[in-house]
Each structure stands twice: as C-alpha cells, then as structure tokens.
N, C-alpha and C. Protein backbone atom coordinates (compact mmCIF):
# COMPACT_ATOMS: atom_id res chain seq x y z
N UNK A 1 92.87 117.50 99.94
CA UNK A 1 91.46 116.70 99.76
C UNK A 1 91.47 115.69 100.81
N UNK A 2 90.09 115.38 101.28
CA UNK A 2 90.06 114.32 102.15
C UNK A 2 89.80 112.80 101.62
N UNK A 3 88.82 113.29 101.10
CA UNK A 3 87.61 111.78 100.48
C UNK A 3 87.75 112.24 98.99
N UNK A 4 87.58 111.18 98.49
CA UNK A 4 88.44 109.89 98.93
C UNK A 4 89.64 110.28 98.90
N UNK A 5 90.49 109.18 99.82
CA UNK A 5 92.09 108.91 99.96
C UNK A 5 92.91 108.81 99.38
N UNK A 6 93.78 109.32 98.70
CA UNK A 6 95.04 109.06 97.76
C UNK A 6 95.45 107.58 97.67
N UNK A 7 95.32 106.62 98.67
CA UNK A 7 95.75 105.72 99.36
C UNK A 7 94.25 104.36 98.56
N UNK A 8 93.41 105.24 98.75
CA UNK A 8 92.08 104.33 97.94
C UNK A 8 92.44 104.59 96.69
N UNK A 9 92.48 105.56 95.95
CA UNK A 9 92.78 105.92 94.49
C UNK A 9 93.71 105.03 93.71
N UNK A 10 94.94 105.11 94.29
CA UNK A 10 96.52 104.51 94.05
C UNK A 10 96.05 102.90 93.71
N UNK A 11 95.20 102.39 94.98
CA UNK A 11 94.43 100.83 94.62
C UNK A 11 93.81 100.49 93.85
N UNK A 12 92.90 101.94 92.98
CA UNK A 12 92.19 101.55 92.02
C UNK A 12 93.08 101.80 90.37
N UNK A 13 93.86 102.70 90.53
CA UNK A 13 94.25 102.97 89.41
C UNK A 13 95.90 103.29 89.43
N UNK A 14 96.65 102.34 88.54
CA UNK A 14 97.97 102.61 88.54
C UNK A 14 98.96 103.76 88.60
N UNK A 15 98.59 105.01 87.94
CA UNK A 15 99.19 106.16 87.84
C UNK A 15 98.61 107.13 88.15
N UNK A 16 99.36 107.79 88.35
CA UNK A 16 98.60 109.42 89.37
C UNK A 16 98.22 110.20 87.19
N UNK A 17 98.99 110.09 86.66
CA UNK A 17 98.37 110.63 85.18
C UNK A 17 97.10 110.09 84.93
N UNK A 18 96.95 108.63 84.65
CA UNK A 18 96.06 108.06 84.38
C UNK A 18 94.76 108.34 85.04
N UNK A 19 95.07 108.46 86.72
CA UNK A 19 93.84 108.96 87.65
C UNK A 19 93.43 110.53 86.58
N UNK A 20 94.31 111.47 86.89
CA UNK A 20 93.97 112.89 86.68
C UNK A 20 93.26 113.03 85.15
N UNK A 21 93.70 112.63 84.52
CA UNK A 21 93.24 112.35 82.78
C UNK A 21 91.80 111.94 83.06
N UNK A 22 91.46 110.61 83.60
CA UNK A 22 90.39 110.11 84.01
C UNK A 22 89.28 110.65 84.57
N UNK A 23 89.61 111.44 85.71
CA UNK A 23 89.02 112.00 86.79
C UNK A 23 88.55 113.51 85.67
N UNK A 24 89.39 114.02 84.94
CA UNK A 24 89.17 115.00 84.15
C UNK A 24 87.82 114.78 82.86
N UNK A 25 88.20 113.78 82.43
CA UNK A 25 87.38 113.51 81.07
C UNK A 25 86.11 113.29 82.22
N UNK A 26 85.86 112.51 83.10
CA UNK A 26 84.74 111.97 83.63
C UNK A 26 83.83 113.77 84.09
N UNK A 27 84.54 114.30 84.74
CA UNK A 27 84.33 115.57 85.47
C UNK A 27 83.34 116.47 84.14
N UNK A 28 84.24 116.48 83.04
CA UNK A 28 83.77 117.21 82.18
C UNK A 28 82.45 116.83 81.52
N UNK A 29 82.53 115.23 81.58
CA UNK A 29 81.24 114.67 81.05
C UNK A 29 79.98 114.93 81.80
N UNK A 30 79.94 114.58 83.27
CA UNK A 30 79.10 115.03 83.77
C UNK A 30 78.82 116.42 84.08
N UNK A 31 79.50 117.35 83.84
CA UNK A 31 79.32 118.97 83.30
C UNK A 31 77.99 119.10 82.41
N UNK A 32 79.11 118.99 81.27
CA UNK A 32 78.09 118.77 80.34
C UNK A 32 76.62 117.88 80.17
N UNK A 33 76.69 116.72 80.18
CA UNK A 33 75.54 115.65 80.07
C UNK A 33 74.80 115.61 81.27
N UNK A 34 75.64 115.94 82.37
CA UNK A 34 74.34 115.48 83.64
C UNK A 34 74.59 114.36 83.94
N UNK A 35 75.39 113.71 83.53
CA UNK A 35 74.89 111.94 83.81
C UNK A 35 76.14 111.72 84.97
N UNK A 36 75.35 110.69 85.74
CA UNK A 36 75.66 110.12 87.08
C UNK A 36 76.01 108.80 87.04
N UNK A 37 76.98 108.00 87.47
CA UNK A 37 77.07 107.06 87.87
C UNK A 37 76.60 106.20 89.01
N UNK A 38 76.66 107.04 89.91
CA UNK A 38 76.37 106.72 91.44
C UNK A 38 74.75 107.69 91.65
N UNK A 39 74.31 107.18 92.73
CA UNK A 39 72.96 108.10 92.95
C UNK A 39 73.36 109.14 93.44
N UNK A 40 72.86 110.61 93.18
CA UNK A 40 72.82 112.11 93.18
C UNK A 40 73.54 112.12 94.67
N UNK A 41 72.39 111.26 95.21
CA UNK A 41 72.52 111.63 96.87
C UNK A 41 73.74 111.09 97.25
N UNK A 42 73.98 110.07 97.40
CA UNK A 42 75.26 109.39 97.48
C UNK A 42 76.83 109.97 97.31
N UNK A 43 76.66 111.41 96.49
CA UNK A 43 78.68 111.86 96.56
C UNK A 43 78.45 112.68 97.88
N UNK A 44 79.85 112.68 98.38
CA UNK A 44 80.01 113.48 99.27
C UNK A 44 80.66 115.01 98.98
N UNK A 45 81.12 114.57 97.80
CA UNK A 45 81.72 115.85 96.68
C UNK A 45 80.63 116.93 96.44
N UNK A 46 80.87 118.02 96.53
CA UNK A 46 80.44 119.06 95.54
C UNK A 46 80.10 119.41 93.81
N UNK A 47 81.72 119.42 93.94
CA UNK A 47 82.34 119.84 92.47
C UNK A 47 82.44 118.42 91.41
N UNK A 48 82.45 118.58 90.63
CA UNK A 48 82.34 117.22 89.29
C UNK A 48 83.85 116.64 89.45
N UNK A 49 85.02 117.01 89.67
CA UNK A 49 86.18 116.72 90.11
C UNK A 49 86.06 115.47 91.03
N UNK A 50 85.56 115.68 92.49
CA UNK A 50 85.41 115.19 93.43
C UNK A 50 84.51 114.28 93.19
N UNK A 51 83.26 114.45 92.70
CA UNK A 51 82.48 113.24 92.31
C UNK A 51 83.18 112.19 91.21
N UNK A 52 83.91 112.45 89.91
CA UNK A 52 84.41 111.57 90.01
C UNK A 52 85.12 110.69 90.49
N UNK A 53 86.17 110.87 90.85
CA UNK A 53 86.91 110.49 92.22
C UNK A 53 86.62 109.53 92.97
N UNK A 54 85.20 110.07 93.44
CA UNK A 54 84.50 109.06 93.99
C UNK A 54 83.98 107.70 93.62
N UNK A 55 83.60 108.10 92.40
CA UNK A 55 83.29 107.07 91.25
C UNK A 55 84.46 106.04 91.16
N UNK A 56 85.67 106.61 90.98
CA UNK A 56 86.67 105.63 90.83
C UNK A 56 86.81 104.53 92.36
N UNK A 57 86.76 105.53 93.36
CA UNK A 57 86.94 104.73 94.47
C UNK A 57 85.86 103.52 94.66
N UNK A 58 84.54 103.68 94.31
CA UNK A 58 83.64 103.06 94.40
C UNK A 58 83.67 102.15 93.03
N UNK A 59 84.50 102.02 92.21
CA UNK A 59 85.14 100.92 91.05
C UNK A 59 83.60 100.61 90.07
N UNK A 60 82.94 101.90 89.72
CA UNK A 60 82.08 102.24 88.53
C UNK A 60 82.81 103.09 87.83
N UNK A 61 83.71 103.67 87.63
CA UNK A 61 84.34 104.45 86.42
C UNK A 61 86.30 103.73 86.73
N UNK A 62 86.33 103.11 85.39
CA UNK A 62 87.75 102.78 85.65
C UNK A 62 88.32 102.76 84.13
N UNK A 63 89.69 103.23 84.18
CA UNK A 63 90.21 103.09 83.09
C UNK A 63 90.30 102.28 81.50
N UNK A 64 89.94 102.58 80.55
CA UNK A 64 90.25 101.64 79.21
C UNK A 64 91.17 100.74 79.21
N UNK A 65 91.39 99.68 78.74
CA UNK A 65 93.09 99.00 78.56
C UNK A 65 93.36 99.31 77.51
N UNK A 66 94.62 99.50 77.32
CA UNK A 66 94.80 99.76 76.00
C UNK A 66 95.20 99.24 75.17
N UNK A 67 95.04 99.13 74.16
CA UNK A 67 95.31 98.28 73.03
C UNK A 67 97.08 97.91 72.98
N UNK A 68 97.42 96.84 72.83
CA UNK A 68 98.78 96.60 72.55
C UNK A 68 99.49 97.06 70.82
N UNK A 69 98.33 96.47 70.50
CA UNK A 69 98.47 96.07 68.86
C UNK A 69 98.69 97.97 68.59
N UNK A 70 98.11 98.74 68.82
CA UNK A 70 97.98 99.95 68.25
C UNK A 70 99.62 100.95 68.29
N UNK A 71 100.12 101.39 67.53
CA UNK A 71 101.23 102.43 67.88
C UNK A 71 101.04 103.62 67.80
N UNK A 72 100.96 104.34 69.08
CA UNK A 72 100.69 105.90 68.64
C UNK A 72 101.81 107.04 68.45
N UNK A 73 101.56 107.79 67.32
CA UNK A 73 102.60 108.67 66.95
C UNK A 73 103.67 108.91 67.70
N UNK A 74 103.59 109.16 69.13
CA UNK A 74 104.86 109.51 70.39
C UNK A 74 105.53 108.51 70.62
N UNK A 75 105.22 107.14 70.18
CA UNK A 75 106.18 106.06 70.50
C UNK A 75 106.93 105.86 69.32
N UNK A 76 106.67 106.74 68.03
CA UNK A 76 107.40 106.14 67.25
C UNK A 76 108.90 106.29 67.40
C-alpha cells in the first residue's frame, strides 16, 4: 500500500489494531450504505478499505473515545 502511508496513518491513530478495526467498520458502512465523508472524486483508492484509510488521514474519520467508567467483560 503506497497511499496513504503507514507513517501518516500512525500519526492519526495510536494503535494498528484500532486502525484496522476502524477501517474495516467504515469500509463495511461504505459498501452497505454508499455513504462517503469526502467527495467521491477525491479518493485515490478504488476499494472501500483504501477509501476508509484516506478518510483517516484526512482527519474526518476518528476512533471514538473509550469511556473509562465502563468495565468490559474481558477486563474482569
């Protein structure tokens, strides 16, 4: 993958796991609902995952902040 670069993605999202999860969920949303956060003509990628990563680099797709008061089942 040449664009967006891994370095640019790591500046926006702190972990690779979060990035993969975020991009996969967003790609599925684009595929199912045909909703885009950038102009359709501005994407360089042809596939949905690449488009999701471009949204991350553009700063329009960000991970949700985790609520520290919630205790998840796998943390018990």
